[in-house]
Each structure stands twice: as structure tokens, then as C-alpha cells.
C-alpha atoms as a PDB file:
ATOM      1  CA  MET A   1      -3.085  72.728  76.727  1.00  0.00           C
ATOM      2  CA  LYS A   2      -4.820  71.706  79.532  1.00  0.00           C
ATOM      3  CA  ALA A   3      -5.538  67.636  80.049  1.00  0.00           C
ATOM      4  CA  LYS A   4      -8.546  65.848  79.897  1.00  0.00           C
ATOM      5  CA  GLU A   5      -9.624  64.613  81.964  1.00  0.00           C
ATOM      6  CA  ILE A   6     -10.469  60.546  82.334  1.00  0.00           C
ATOM      7  CA  ILE A   7     -13.479  59.417  84.763  1.00  0.00           C
ATOM      8  CA  VAL A   8     -15.187  56.166  84.942  1.00  0.00           C
ATOM      9  CA  SER A   9     -18.923  56.328  85.373  1.00  0.00           C
ATOM     10  CA  PRO A  10     -20.256  54.536  87.620  1.00  0.00           C
ATOM     11  CA  LYS A  11     -22.485  52.351  85.552  1.00  0.00           C
ATOM     12  CA  VAL A  12     -19.076  51.352  84.366  1.00  0.00           C
ATOM     13  CA  LEU A  13     -18.212  50.544  87.497  1.00  0.00           C
ATOM     14  CA  ARG A  14     -21.081  48.870  88.197  1.00  0.00           C
ATOM     15  CA  TYR A  15     -21.400  46.395  85.499  1.00  0.00           C
ATOM     16  CA  THR A  16     -17.525  46.226  85.904  1.00  0.00           C
ATOM     17  CA  PHE A  17     -18.162  44.844  89.160  1.00  0.00           C
ATOM     18  CA  LEU A  18     -21.134  42.409  88.194  1.00  0.00           C
ATOM     19  CA  ALA A  19     -18.935  40.882  86.519  1.00  0.00           C
ATOM     20  CA  LEU A  20     -16.130  40.092  88.462  1.00  0.00           C
ATOM     21  CA  THR A  21     -18.602  38.646  90.853  1.00  0.00           C
ATOM     22  CA  ALA A  22     -20.123  36.339  88.313  1.00  0.00           C
ATOM     23  CA  GLY A  23     -16.766  35.213  87.213  1.00  0.00           C
ATOM     24  CA  GLY A  24     -15.697  34.720  90.683  1.00  0.00           C
ATOM     25  CA  CYS A  25     -18.571  32.525  92.074  1.00  0.00           C
ATOM     26  CA  LEU A  26     -17.944  30.324  88.396  1.00  0.00           C
ATOM     27  CA  MET A  27     -14.420  29.564  89.462  1.00  0.00           C
ATOM     28  CA  LEU A  28     -15.224  28.809  93.563  1.00  0.00           C
ATOM     29  CA  PHE A  29     -17.541  26.221  91.649  1.00  0.00           C
ATOM     30  CA  LEU A  30     -15.470  24.642  89.330  1.00  0.00           C
ATOM     31  CA  ASN A  31     -12.676  24.821  91.570  1.00  0.00           C
ATOM     32  CA  LEU A  32     -14.822  22.742  94.327  1.00  0.00           C
ATOM     33  CA  SER A  33     -15.811  20.326  91.604  1.00  0.00           C
ATOM     34  CA  SER A  34     -12.577  19.767  90.385  1.00  0.00           C
ATOM     35  CA  TYR A  35     -11.383  19.669  94.757  1.00  0.00           C
ATOM     36  CA  PHE A  36     -14.032  16.461  94.942  1.00  0.00           C
ATOM     37  CA  GLY A  37     -13.246  14.816  91.949  1.00  0.00           C
ATOM     38  CA  ILE A  38     -16.992  16.023  89.699  1.00  0.00           C
ATOM     39  CA  THR A  39     -15.056  17.436  87.057  1.00  0.00           C
ATOM     40  CA  SER A  40     -11.176  15.927  87.613  1.00  0.00           C
ATOM     41  CA  ASP A  41     -10.280  12.683  87.748  1.00  0.00           C
ATOM     42  CA  GLY A  42     -10.316  12.413  91.231  1.00  0.00           C
ATOM     43  CA  PRO A  43     -11.469  13.927  94.547  1.00  0.00           C
ATOM     44  CA  PHE A  44      -7.346  15.647  95.961  1.00  0.00           C
ATOM     45  CA  ILE A  45      -6.343  18.713  97.512  1.00  0.00           C
ATOM     46  CA  ARG A  46      -3.360  21.170  97.118  1.00  0.00           C
ATOM     47  CA  GLY A  47      -1.484  23.454  98.640  1.00  0.00           C
ATOM     48  CA  TYR A  48       2.317  25.778  99.122  1.00  0.00           C
ATOM     49  CA  VAL A  49       4.029  24.829 102.114  1.00  0.00           C
ATOM     50  CA  SER A  50       7.715  26.233 103.250  1.00  0.00           C
ATOM     51  CA  THR A  51      10.337  24.705 103.615  1.00  0.00           C
ATOM     52  CA  GLN A  52      13.848  24.233 104.824  1.00  0.00           C
ATOM     53  CA  GLY A  53      16.315  23.099 102.424  1.00  0.00           C
ATOM     54  CA  ASP A  54      15.636  22.416  98.765  1.00  0.00           C
ATOM     55  CA  TYR A  55      14.264  18.827  97.719  1.00  0.00           C
ATOM     56  CA  GLY A  56      14.082  17.085  94.646  1.00  0.00           C
ATOM     57  CA  PRO A  57      10.779  16.234  92.970  1.00  0.00           C
ATOM     58  CA  THR A  58       8.727  12.915  95.273  1.00  0.00           C
ATOM     59  CA  VAL A  59       5.890  11.022  94.499  1.00  0.00           C
ATOM     60  CA  GLN A  60       4.693   8.519  97.621  1.00  0.00           C
ATOM     61  CA  PRO A  61       1.376   6.588  98.276  1.00  0.00           C
ATOM     62  CA  LEU A  62      -0.991   7.794 101.698  1.00  0.00           C
ATOM     63  CA  SER A  63      -0.523   5.592 104.385  1.00  0.00           C
ATOM     64  CA  ASP A  64      -4.049   3.927 103.976  1.00  0.00           C
ATOM     65  CA  GLY A  65      -3.477   2.632 100.393  1.00  0.00           C
ATOM     66  CA  ASN A  66      -6.431   5.250  99.108  1.00  0.00           C
ATOM     67  CA  GLY A  67      -4.018   7.397  96.649  1.00  0.00           C
ATOM     68  CA  SER A  68      -0.858   8.983  96.747  1.00  0.00           C
ATOM     69  CA  TYR A  69       0.576  12.488  97.553  1.00  0.00           C
ATOM     70  CA  LYS A  70       3.088  14.483  95.192  1.00  0.00           C
ATOM     71  CA  ILE A  71       5.370  17.219  96.174  1.00  0.00           C
ATOM     72  CA  PHE A  72       6.136  19.612  93.410  1.00  0.00           C
ATOM     73  CA  ASN A  73      10.030  21.784  93.998  1.00  0.00           C
ATOM     74  CA  PHE A  74       9.826  25.165  93.695  1.00  0.00           C
ATOM     75  CA  GLY A  75      12.528  26.709  95.586  1.00  0.00           C
ATOM     76  CA  GLU A  76      11.815  26.798  99.383  1.00  0.00           C
ATOM     77  CA  ARG A  77       8.154  26.102  98.045  1.00  0.00           C
ATOM     78  CA  LYS A  78       7.011  23.278  97.565  1.00  0.00           C
ATOM     79  CA  LEU A  79       3.294  22.308  95.125  1.00  0.00           C
ATOM     80  CA  VAL A  80       2.079  19.399  97.484  1.00  0.00           C
ATOM     81  CA  LEU A  81      -1.011  17.427  95.270  1.00  0.00           C
ATOM     82  CA  LEU A  82      -2.591  14.562  97.294  1.00  0.00           C
ATOM     83  CA  ASP A  83      -4.909  12.465  95.328  1.00  0.00           C
ATOM     84  CA  PHE A  84      -7.234  10.068  96.630  1.00  0.00           C
ATOM     85  CA  SER A  85      -8.658   7.101  95.287  1.00  0.00           C
ATOM     86  CA  ASN A  86     -12.131   7.263  96.644  1.00  0.00           C
ATOM     87  CA  LEU A  87     -14.232  10.077  98.837  1.00  0.00           C
ATOM     88  CA  PRO A  88     -14.045   8.279 102.159  1.00  0.00           C
ATOM     89  CA  SER A  89     -11.069   8.593 102.875  1.00  0.00           C
ATOM     90  CA  PHE A  90     -10.629  12.345 100.689  1.00  0.00           C
ATOM     91  CA  MET A  91     -13.273  13.296 103.306  1.00  0.00           C
ATOM     92  CA  GLN A  92     -12.050  14.046 106.745  1.00  0.00           C
ATOM     93  CA  PHE A  93     -12.411  16.547 109.533  1.00  0.00           C
ATOM     94  CA  ARG A  94      -8.828  18.048 108.959  1.00  0.00           C
ATOM     95  CA  HIS A  95      -9.639  17.998 104.918  1.00  0.00           C
ATOM     96  CA  MET A  96     -12.344  19.533 104.868  1.00  0.00           C
ATOM     97  CA  PHE A  97     -11.528  22.693 107.000  1.00  0.00           C
ATOM     98  CA  TYR A  98      -8.666  23.133 104.697  1.00  0.00           C
ATOM     99  CA  ILE A  99     -10.907  23.669 101.926  1.00  0.00           C
ATOM    100  CA  LEU A 100     -13.334  24.838 104.288  1.00  0.00           C
ATOM    101  CA  CYS A 101     -10.609  27.750 105.092  1.00  0.00           C
ATOM    102  CA  GLN A 102      -9.363  28.086 101.752  1.00  0.00           C
ATOM    103  CA  LYS A 103     -12.134  28.374  99.387  1.00  0.00           C
ATOM    104  CA  MET A 104     -13.329  31.466 102.353  1.00  0.00           C
ATOM    105  CA  VAL A 105     -10.513  32.600 100.480  1.00  0.00           C
ATOM    106  CA  TRP A 106     -12.870  33.204  97.298  1.00  0.00           C
ATOM    107  CA  PHE A 107     -16.074  33.222  98.686  1.00  0.00           C
ATOM    108  CA  LEU A 108     -14.664  36.924 101.037  1.00  0.00           C
ATOM    109  CA  ALA A 109     -13.361  38.629  97.752  1.00  0.00           C
ATOM    110  CA  ILE A 110     -16.747  37.698  96.337  1.00  0.00           C
ATOM    111  CA  ILE A 111     -18.370  39.119  98.875  1.00  0.00           C
ATOM    112  CA  VAL A 112     -16.622  42.228  98.361  1.00  0.00           C
ATOM    113  CA  MET A 113     -16.763  42.520  94.499  1.00  0.00           C
ATOM    114  CA  TYR A 114     -20.093  42.103  94.771  1.00  0.00           C
ATOM    115  CA  GLN A 115     -20.904  44.855  97.465  1.00  0.00           C
ATOM    116  CA  MET A 116     -18.882  46.733  95.188  1.00  0.00           C
ATOM    117  CA  TYR A 117     -21.281  46.180  92.856  1.00  0.00           C
ATOM    118  CA  ARG A 118     -24.826  47.489  94.677  1.00  0.00           C
ATOM    119  CA  ILE A 119     -22.383  50.811  95.849  1.00  0.00           C
ATOM    120  CA  PHE A 120     -21.862  51.723  92.618  1.00  0.00           C
ATOM    121  CA  ARG A 121     -25.706  50.417  91.562  1.00  0.00           C
ATOM    122  CA  ASN A 122     -26.367  53.143  93.974  1.00  0.00           C
ATOM    123  CA  LEU A 123     -24.238  56.482  93.117  1.00  0.00           C
ATOM    124  CA  ASP A 124     -25.772  55.265  89.416  1.00  0.00           C
ATOM    125  CA  ARG A 125     -28.921  56.278  90.977  1.00  0.00           C
ATOM    126  CA  LYS A 126     -27.433  59.251  92.724  1.00  0.00           C
ATOM    127  CA  VAL A 127     -28.222  58.068  95.973  1.00  0.00           C
ATOM    128  CA  MET A 128     -24.750  58.110  97.774  1.00  0.00           C
ATOM    129  CA  PHE A 129     -25.201  59.044 101.508  1.00  0.00           C
ATOM    130  CA  ARG A 130     -27.968  56.051 102.700  1.00  0.00           C
ATOM    131  CA  ASP A 131     -27.913  54.046 105.088  1.00  0.00           C
ATOM    132  CA  GLU A 132     -27.072  50.968 102.561  1.00  0.00           C
ATOM    133  CA  ASN A 133     -24.563  52.205 101.446  1.00  0.00           C
ATOM    134  CA  THR A 134     -22.351  52.537 104.916  1.00  0.00           C
ATOM    135  CA  ARG A 135     -23.348  49.112 106.046  1.00  0.00           C
ATOM    136  CA  ARG A 136     -21.732  47.764 102.980  1.00  0.00           C
ATOM    137  CA  ILE A 137     -18.687  49.524 103.322  1.00  0.00           C
ATOM    138  CA  ARG A 138     -18.502  47.765 106.712  1.00  0.00           C
ATOM    139  CA  LEU A 139     -19.383  44.602 105.007  1.00  0.00           C
ATOM    140  CA  ILE A 140     -16.248  45.399 102.421  1.00  0.00           C
ATOM    141  CA  ALA A 141     -14.266  46.113 105.762  1.00  0.00           C
ATOM    142  CA  LEU A 142     -14.981  42.900 108.100  1.00  0.00           C
ATOM    143  CA  ALA A 143     -13.909  40.564 104.728  1.00  0.00           C
ATOM    144  CA  VAL A 144     -10.619  42.712 104.210  1.00  0.00           C
ATOM    145  CA  LEU A 145      -9.483  41.964 107.667  1.00  0.00           C
ATOM    146  CA  LEU A 146     -11.415  38.126 107.641  1.00  0.00           C
ATOM    147  CA  TYR A 147      -8.980  37.458 103.815  1.00  0.00           C
ATOM    148  CA  PRO A 148      -5.799  37.819 105.379  1.00  0.00           C
ATOM    149  CA  ILE A 149      -6.994  35.534 108.104  1.00  0.00           C
ATOM    150  CA  MET A 150      -8.634  32.280 106.944  1.00  0.00           C
ATOM    151  CA  GLY A 151      -5.424  31.962 104.320  1.00  0.00           C
ATOM    152  CA  PHE A 152      -2.902  31.655 107.447  1.00  0.00           C
ATOM    153  CA  LEU A 153      -5.731  29.245 108.800  1.00  0.00           C
ATOM    154  CA  ALA A 154      -5.458  27.420 105.839  1.00  0.00           C
ATOM    155  CA  GLU A 155      -1.447  27.533 105.490  1.00  0.00           C
ATOM    156  CA  VAL A 156      -1.387  26.201 108.459  1.00  0.00           C
ATOM    157  CA  GLN A 157      -3.483  23.661 108.107  1.00  0.00           C
ATOM    158  CA  PHE A 158      -2.314  21.997 105.350  1.00  0.00           C
ATOM    159  CA  LYS A 159       0.877  22.028 107.085  1.00  0.00           C
ATOM    160  CA  ALA A 160      -0.384  19.562 109.515  1.00  0.00           C
ATOM    161  CA  ILE A 161      -1.845  18.102 106.923  1.00  0.00           C
ATOM    162  CA  VAL A 162       1.911  17.634 104.629  1.00  0.00           C
ATOM    163  CA  SER A 163       3.380  17.215 108.204  1.00  0.00           C
ATOM    164  CA  GLN A 164       1.900  13.586 108.902  1.00  0.00           C
ATOM    165  CA  LEU A 165       1.889  12.227 105.473  1.00  0.00           C
ATOM    166  CA  PRO A 166       4.241   9.107 105.839  1.00  0.00           C
ATOM    167  CA  GLY A 167       7.784   8.418 104.642  1.00  0.00           C
ATOM    168  CA  HIS A 168       8.070  12.885 103.752  1.00  0.00           C
ATOM    169  CA  THR A 169      11.736  14.269 104.403  1.00  0.00           C
ATOM    170  CA  LEU A 170       9.950  17.600 104.201  1.00  0.00           C
ATOM    171  CA  GLN A 171      11.791  20.034 106.864  1.00  0.00           C
ATOM    172  CA  LEU A 172       8.522  22.607 106.841  1.00  0.00           C
ATOM    173  CA  SER A 173       9.777  26.109 108.153  1.00  0.00           C
ATOM    174  CA  SER A 174       7.014  27.382 111.126  1.00  0.00           C
ATOM    175  CA  ILE A 175       4.954  30.164 110.506  1.00  0.00           C
ATOM    176  CA  PRO A 176       5.240  33.096 112.041  1.00  0.00           C
ATOM    177  CA  ILE A 177       2.666  34.121 114.044  1.00  0.00           C
ATOM    178  CA  LEU A 178       1.381  37.727 113.476  1.00  0.00           C
ATOM    179  CA  ASP A 179       1.454  37.261 109.817  1.00  0.00           C
ATOM    180  CA  GLN A 180       2.426  40.074 107.949  1.00  0.00           C
ATOM    181  CA  GLU A 181      -0.635  39.828 105.063  1.00  0.00           C
ATOM    182  CA  ILE A 182      -2.442  39.737 108.648  1.00  0.00           C
ATOM    183  CA  VAL A 183      -1.189  43.155 110.317  1.00  0.00           C
ATOM    184  CA  TYR A 184      -1.713  45.094 106.056  1.00  0.00           C
ATOM    185  CA  GLY A 185      -5.370  43.716 106.604  1.00  0.00           C
ATOM    186  CA  ALA A 186      -5.818  44.525 109.670  1.00  0.00           C
ATOM    187  CA  ILE A 187      -4.240  48.503 109.098  1.00  0.00           C
ATOM    188  CA  LEU A 188      -6.572  48.590 105.749  1.00  0.00           C
ATOM    189  CA  SER A 189      -9.655  47.327 107.387  1.00  0.00           C
ATOM    190  CA  LEU A 190      -9.362  49.919 109.731  1.00  0.00           C
ATOM    191  CA  VAL A 191      -8.707  52.568 106.892  1.00  0.00           C
ATOM    192  CA  ILE A 192     -12.744  51.043 105.519  1.00  0.00           C
ATOM    193  CA  PHE A 193     -14.339  51.544 108.566  1.00  0.00           C
ATOM    194  CA  ALA A 194     -13.253  55.438 108.923  1.00  0.00           C
ATOM    195  CA  LEU A 195     -14.396  55.643 105.157  1.00  0.00           C
ATOM    196  CA  ALA A 196     -17.826  53.625 106.595  1.00  0.00           C
ATOM    197  CA  ASP A 197     -17.529  56.346 109.648  1.00  0.00           C
ATOM    198  CA  VAL A 198     -17.092  59.193 107.369  1.00  0.00           C
ATOM    199  CA  PHE A 199     -20.197  57.672 105.034  1.00  0.00           C
ATOM    200  CA  ARG A 200     -21.918  57.330 107.861  1.00  0.00           C
ATOM    201  CA  SER A 201     -21.738  61.191 108.818  1.00  0.00           C
ATOM    202  CA  GLY A 202     -23.074  61.827 105.240  1.00  0.00           C
ATOM    203  CA  THR A 203     -26.189  59.713 105.702  1.00  0.00           C
ATOM    204  CA  GLN A 204     -27.125  62.171 108.979  1.00  0.00           C
ATOM    205  CA  LEU A 205     -25.535  65.592 107.161  1.00  0.00           C
ATOM    206  CA  GLN A 206     -27.918  64.497 103.891  1.00  0.00           C
ATOM    207  CA  GLN A 207     -30.933  63.088 106.136  1.00  0.00           C
ATOM    208  CA  GLU A 208     -31.161  66.823 108.685  1.00  0.00           C
ATOM    209  CA  GLN A 209     -30.778  68.352 104.937  1.00  0.00           C
ATOM    210  CA  ASP A 210     -34.178  66.394 103.869  1.00  0.00           C
ATOM    211  CA  LEU A 211     -36.118  67.296 107.283  1.00  0.00           C
ATOM    212  CA  THR A 212     -35.183  70.984 106.782  1.00  0.00           C
ATOM    213  CA  ILE A 213     -36.418  71.591 102.911  1.00  0.00           C
END
């Protein structure tokens, strides 16, 4: 007996990516509002750092006395939570730059999901080889390339913040210059750019065929 092929219609994928885009926007908003103390007890930032050796949980006051930081032990990876008692101590360039890089990762993921929604919307309307789809695929490729780069910058910046904390005893591990995720992201981005070129060629052929009809 021949097995039946399971085909997901473009309409289902279209609304799936639309729901993912809306959910990603909501999560990004809630996360940012929590960082700025709107939906939490106060402004804070958090992140992970890699360490050399093992350390127990640590709670220390910040150098300006406007908050404290906590270090939670997860083996070589440590979760560092910085709580601030007021916005001025939180609104520093190094903190804002870290939040920007970290949230750009979310934003790029939302861009990819939204572009996928627009592509599948066109497919649902029987519109495949169009310049619009080519541009969207290229935008996805660019977002895939930037995604690990922004994550790498966020990790570097958070390590710089942790290294300046008063009284900390963490021996931070060095961050590789060429991160493995950046290499994978670059390779995947090249593949998607190649796919965009295939769509561009298909669009040209479609336009030539339309002119001959």
C-alpha cells in the first residue's frame, strides 16, 4: 500500500508564522518591560558567563550602593543577575548596549518569522516567483547572518560588565574570536542567499514567459 503524502498547505504555514511573529513581539515587549522594572520589582539585567573553576552562589552589593548582584552556580556557566535600586544606575551605556545586542537577537528572529509569513501568504495566493519574495529571502539571509553576531556581542559586553563588578571572584573564560555559531550562521546565510538567487532567476523566467503570452 502506498503511503499517503502529508502536505501542509501554505495557508496553515502562513498563519503559523503569523502567530509566531505575534508571540515573539509580545515576549519581546514583556521582556523589555521587565528589564526596565515596569512589570517587575525593579530594573535589572541578567546573563550567563563562562568561568574557569566552580564557585558557590554569591550575593554582593554594587559599588555605588544602588543595588546588588547575584551569581548562581550552573557548573562552568554562571547566571549573573544585577538588581538596581533606581533607574540612573541602570541607565548606563554599557547596560543599554548589552540589552540592545541581546534584544536584537529576538528582533531578528521576529523579522525572519514575519518574512516567512509574507512569503507563505504569497504562495497561498499562487504568487511564487516575484521580486518581492526574492527580497524577503535575502532579508532572511541577512538576519540569519546577524543573529549569532549580535549574540556574540551581547556575550562579550556582559562579560565586560561582570568583570567590573566589585568583590567578584569569578575567573572568566576567554571568548573565542571566531565563535562556532557565527561560522554556522555565515554558512546558512550563504545557502539562503543562493536560494534567493534561484528565486531571482525563476522570477526573470516567469516575467519572460508572461511577456510571450
